[in-house]
Amino acid sequence: LDGLEKRAGALEQQAGATFNPEAVAGAVLPSVFRVRAGQFTGTAFAIGKPADGGGTNLFTNFHVVEAVWEAGDREVFLERTDQRFPATIVKVDKTNDIAHLRTTGRFTGLAAAPDAVKSGQQIVVVGAPLGLEDSVTTGVVSAFRDARDGSGPVIQFDAPINPGNSGGPVVNGSKQVVGIATAKARDAEGIGLAVPIKIACDGFKIC
């Protein structure tokens, strides 16, 4: 009996470690929004603990909110189903293509992964490609590309993404954010790029 209990415990632990995209998506989706910035749409996600004074901090890509920022405005909108929430662009990092948003609404912030990604690691990407909110794709980390030629490091992955996915979370099997989806390689399939979440967390101190 002792042997059977140990084996059952080992099997339960193994099952718990199995990659489950449905469970990951179910946990992450309530924290992900379509962001509308003027004529542009992208994705934003809640991160970390509640903002000072209440409300929620979020990350998206700078290029998603660039037109609003350069025009001197700071207001964008977060959208989920039939709900709309105003948000403010707090700070941007143009070099790494990151923007920090804040809204007075209270949403659960996702946790940032403490460890760097590894090639072959399975991931889920959530976003609003072409404005289609709550879209989920899966894939693996293809490689971690170190900084070079003045650009920062990036995560290369093979999960399908399209315009509108920009700013969305790339999430591991433990439901932790490993990166911010930022671009799809032109004239190529299966090459998506993300900013490592560590760069965003170190730069904005909101994780």
Protein backbone atom coordinates (compact mmCIF):
# COMPACT_ATOMS: atom_id res chain seq x y z
CA LEU A 1 0.00 0.00 0.00
CA ASP A 2 2.81 2.37 0.83
CA GLY A 3 4.32 1.69 -2.58
CA LEU A 4 1.01 2.38 -4.33
CA GLU A 5 0.53 5.64 -2.42
CA LYS A 6 4.00 6.82 -3.37
CA ARG A 7 3.40 5.95 -7.01
CA ALA A 8 0.01 7.70 -6.98
CA GLY A 9 1.64 10.78 -5.46
CA ALA A 10 4.34 10.76 -8.12
CA LEU A 11 1.73 10.44 -10.89
CA GLU A 12 -0.28 13.35 -9.45
CA GLN A 13 2.84 15.49 -9.34
CA GLN A 14 3.68 14.54 -12.92
CA ALA A 15 0.15 15.35 -14.05
CA GLY A 16 0.37 18.72 -12.32
CA ALA A 17 3.52 19.50 -14.25
CA THR A 18 1.90 18.68 -17.61
CA PHE A 19 1.44 21.68 -19.89
CA ASN A 20 -2.27 22.57 -19.93
CA PRO A 21 -3.05 25.45 -22.31
CA GLU A 22 -6.73 25.45 -21.35
CA ALA A 23 -5.92 25.95 -17.67
CA VAL A 24 -3.34 28.63 -18.48
CA ALA A 25 -5.76 30.51 -20.73
CA GLY A 26 -8.54 30.30 -18.16
CA ALA A 27 -6.31 31.85 -15.51
CA VAL A 28 -4.82 34.54 -17.74
CA LEU A 29 -7.72 35.76 -19.91
CA PRO A 30 -9.47 37.89 -17.23
CA SER A 31 -6.29 39.98 -16.95
CA VAL A 32 -5.86 40.66 -20.69
CA PHE A 33 -7.55 43.47 -22.63
CA ARG A 34 -7.80 44.90 -26.10
CA VAL A 35 -6.35 48.39 -25.88
CA ARG A 36 -7.63 51.11 -28.17
CA ALA A 37 -5.28 54.04 -28.67
CA GLY A 38 -6.80 56.47 -31.15
CA GLN A 39 -7.05 54.62 -34.46
CA PHE A 40 -4.80 51.78 -33.30
CA THR A 41 -5.60 48.63 -31.36
CA GLY A 42 -3.35 46.20 -29.56
CA THR A 43 -3.26 44.21 -26.35
CA ALA A 44 -2.49 45.10 -22.72
CA PHE A 45 -2.35 42.96 -19.60
CA ALA A 46 -2.55 43.59 -15.86
CA ILE A 47 0.70 42.95 -14.01
CA GLY A 48 1.81 42.73 -10.40
CA LYS A 49 0.13 44.04 -7.28
CA PRO A 50 -2.56 46.77 -7.22
CA ALA A 51 -1.36 50.24 -8.16
CA ASP A 52 -0.68 52.84 -5.48
CA GLY A 53 -3.98 54.29 -4.38
CA GLY A 54 -5.88 51.39 -5.92
CA GLY A 55 -6.44 50.53 -9.54
CA THR A 56 -4.29 48.37 -11.79
CA ASN A 57 -0.94 48.60 -13.58
CA LEU A 58 -0.66 47.20 -17.09
CA PHE A 59 1.95 46.66 -19.79
CA THR A 60 1.61 47.04 -23.53
CA ASN A 61 3.96 47.91 -26.39
CA PHE A 62 4.97 51.52 -26.93
CA HIS A 63 4.20 51.28 -30.64
CA VAL A 64 0.56 50.48 -29.77
CA VAL A 65 0.13 53.82 -27.97
CA GLU A 66 2.80 55.78 -29.85
CA ALA A 67 0.43 58.01 -31.86
CA VAL A 68 -1.45 59.05 -28.71
CA TRP A 69 1.77 59.65 -26.77
CA GLU A 70 3.42 61.69 -29.52
CA ALA A 71 0.28 63.81 -29.88
CA GLY A 72 0.65 64.79 -26.23
CA ASP A 73 -2.41 62.87 -25.11
CA ARG A 74 -2.29 60.21 -22.38
CA GLU A 75 -5.70 58.53 -22.44
CA VAL A 76 -6.38 55.15 -24.03
CA PHE A 77 -9.15 52.61 -23.48
CA LEU A 78 -9.17 49.00 -22.30
CA GLU A 79 -11.91 46.81 -23.77
CA ARG A 80 -13.31 43.43 -22.72
CA THR A 81 -16.51 42.02 -24.24
CA ASP A 82 -18.98 44.93 -23.93
CA GLN A 83 -17.04 46.81 -21.24
CA ARG A 84 -14.73 49.77 -21.68
CA PHE A 85 -12.32 51.25 -19.13
CA PRO A 86 -10.24 54.44 -19.51
CA ALA A 87 -6.52 54.07 -18.82
CA THR A 88 -3.62 56.49 -18.62
CA ILE A 89 -0.21 56.13 -20.25
CA VAL A 90 2.08 56.62 -17.24
CA LYS A 91 5.55 56.09 -18.70
CA VAL A 92 7.15 54.67 -21.83
CA ASP A 93 10.40 52.99 -22.83
CA LYS A 94 10.78 53.68 -26.54
CA THR A 95 14.03 51.72 -26.84
CA ASN A 96 12.51 48.47 -25.61
CA ASP A 97 9.01 49.18 -27.01
CA ILE A 98 7.23 49.08 -23.63
CA ALA A 99 4.50 51.29 -22.17
CA HIS A 100 3.14 51.34 -18.62
CA LEU A 101 -0.61 51.98 -18.34
CA ARG A 102 -2.75 52.52 -15.27
CA THR A 103 -6.50 52.26 -14.81
CA THR A 104 -8.73 52.89 -11.81
CA GLY A 105 -10.48 49.56 -12.40
CA ARG A 106 -9.30 46.68 -10.25
CA PHE A 107 -8.12 43.57 -12.05
CA THR A 108 -5.94 40.65 -11.07
CA GLY A 109 -2.32 41.28 -12.01
CA LEU A 110 -0.40 38.44 -13.61
CA ALA A 111 2.84 37.26 -12.05
CA ALA A 112 6.17 37.67 -13.82
CA ALA A 113 8.26 34.53 -14.25
CA PRO A 114 11.33 34.62 -11.98
CA ASP A 115 13.50 32.60 -14.36
CA ALA A 116 14.61 33.24 -17.93
CA VAL A 117 13.00 31.16 -20.66
CA LYS A 118 14.71 28.20 -22.28
CA SER A 119 14.52 26.88 -25.82
CA GLY A 120 11.76 24.31 -26.15
CA GLN A 121 9.71 25.70 -23.26
CA GLN A 122 5.99 25.58 -24.03
CA ILE A 123 4.11 28.86 -23.97
CA VAL A 124 0.67 30.42 -24.47
CA VAL A 125 0.19 33.79 -26.17
CA VAL A 126 -2.98 35.77 -25.43
CA GLY A 127 -4.09 38.85 -27.31
CA ALA A 128 -6.42 40.58 -29.73
CA PRO A 129 -5.07 39.90 -33.26
CA LEU A 130 -6.90 42.05 -35.80
CA GLY A 131 -9.06 43.24 -32.89
CA LEU A 132 -10.31 39.72 -32.08
CA GLU A 133 -10.06 39.79 -28.28
CA ASP A 134 -9.43 36.74 -26.11
CA SER A 135 -7.49 34.93 -28.83
CA VAL A 136 -5.18 32.19 -27.57
CA THR A 137 -2.35 30.46 -29.43
CA THR A 138 0.28 28.00 -28.23
CA GLY A 139 3.83 27.15 -29.21
CA VAL A 140 7.35 26.84 -27.89
CA VAL A 141 10.23 29.17 -27.20
CA SER A 142 12.47 28.84 -30.24
CA ALA A 143 15.44 30.74 -28.84
CA PHE A 144 16.56 33.53 -26.54
CA ARG A 145 18.42 36.14 -28.59
CA ASP A 146 20.95 38.24 -26.70
CA ALA A 147 21.20 42.00 -27.13
CA ARG A 148 23.17 43.17 -30.16
CA ASP A 149 23.50 46.13 -32.53
CA GLY A 150 21.98 48.47 -29.95
CA SER A 151 18.78 46.45 -29.55
CA GLY A 152 17.78 44.59 -26.41
CA PRO A 153 17.43 40.83 -26.00
CA VAL A 154 14.32 39.15 -27.40
CA ILE A 155 12.47 35.88 -27.01
CA GLN A 156 11.83 34.09 -30.31
CA PHE A 157 8.78 31.81 -30.33
CA ASP A 158 6.69 29.95 -32.89
CA ALA A 159 3.11 30.56 -31.65
CA PRO A 160 1.09 32.33 -34.38
CA ILE A 161 0.61 36.07 -33.83
CA ASN A 162 -0.74 38.90 -35.98
CA PRO A 163 -1.20 42.67 -35.80
CA GLY A 164 -3.16 43.36 -32.62
CA ASN A 165 -1.24 40.78 -30.58
CA SER A 166 1.30 43.49 -29.81
CA GLY A 167 1.52 44.09 -26.08
CA GLY A 168 0.00 40.75 -25.11
CA PRO A 169 1.49 38.36 -22.55
CA VAL A 170 3.57 35.33 -23.44
CA VAL A 171 2.87 32.91 -20.58
CA ASN A 172 4.54 29.70 -19.39
CA GLY A 173 2.88 26.55 -18.08
CA SER A 174 2.97 27.92 -14.54
CA LYS A 175 0.75 30.85 -15.61
CA GLN A 176 3.62 33.33 -15.29
CA VAL A 177 4.45 35.99 -17.88
CA VAL A 178 7.79 35.42 -19.59
CA GLY A 179 7.54 38.14 -22.24
CA ILE A 180 5.52 40.83 -24.02
CA ALA A 181 4.65 39.90 -27.61
CA THR A 182 5.91 42.67 -29.84
CA ALA A 183 6.35 41.62 -33.46
CA LYS A 184 6.03 38.99 -36.13
CA ALA A 185 8.86 38.55 -38.59
CA ARG A 186 7.85 39.82 -42.01
CA ASP A 187 7.68 37.40 -44.92
CA ALA A 188 8.12 34.46 -42.55
CA GLU A 189 5.95 32.03 -40.62
CA GLY A 190 6.52 30.78 -37.10
CA ILE A 191 8.80 33.60 -35.98
CA GLY A 192 7.32 35.78 -33.27
CA LEU A 193 9.32 38.05 -30.99
CA ALA A 194 8.74 39.18 -27.41
CA VAL A 195 10.44 41.53 -24.98
CA PRO A 196 11.59 39.54 -21.92
CA ILE A 197 9.40 40.42 -18.95
CA LYS A 198 12.50 41.05 -16.82
CA ILE A 199 13.36 44.10 -18.92
CA ALA A 200 9.89 45.56 -18.33
CA CYS A 201 9.88 44.73 -14.62
CA ASP A 202 13.37 46.15 -14.06
CA GLY A 203 12.52 49.33 -15.97
CA PHE A 204 9.14 50.11 -14.45
CA LYS A 205 9.23 48.50 -10.97
CA ILE A 206 5.57 47.49 -11.01
CA CYS A 207 5.89 43.69 -11.10
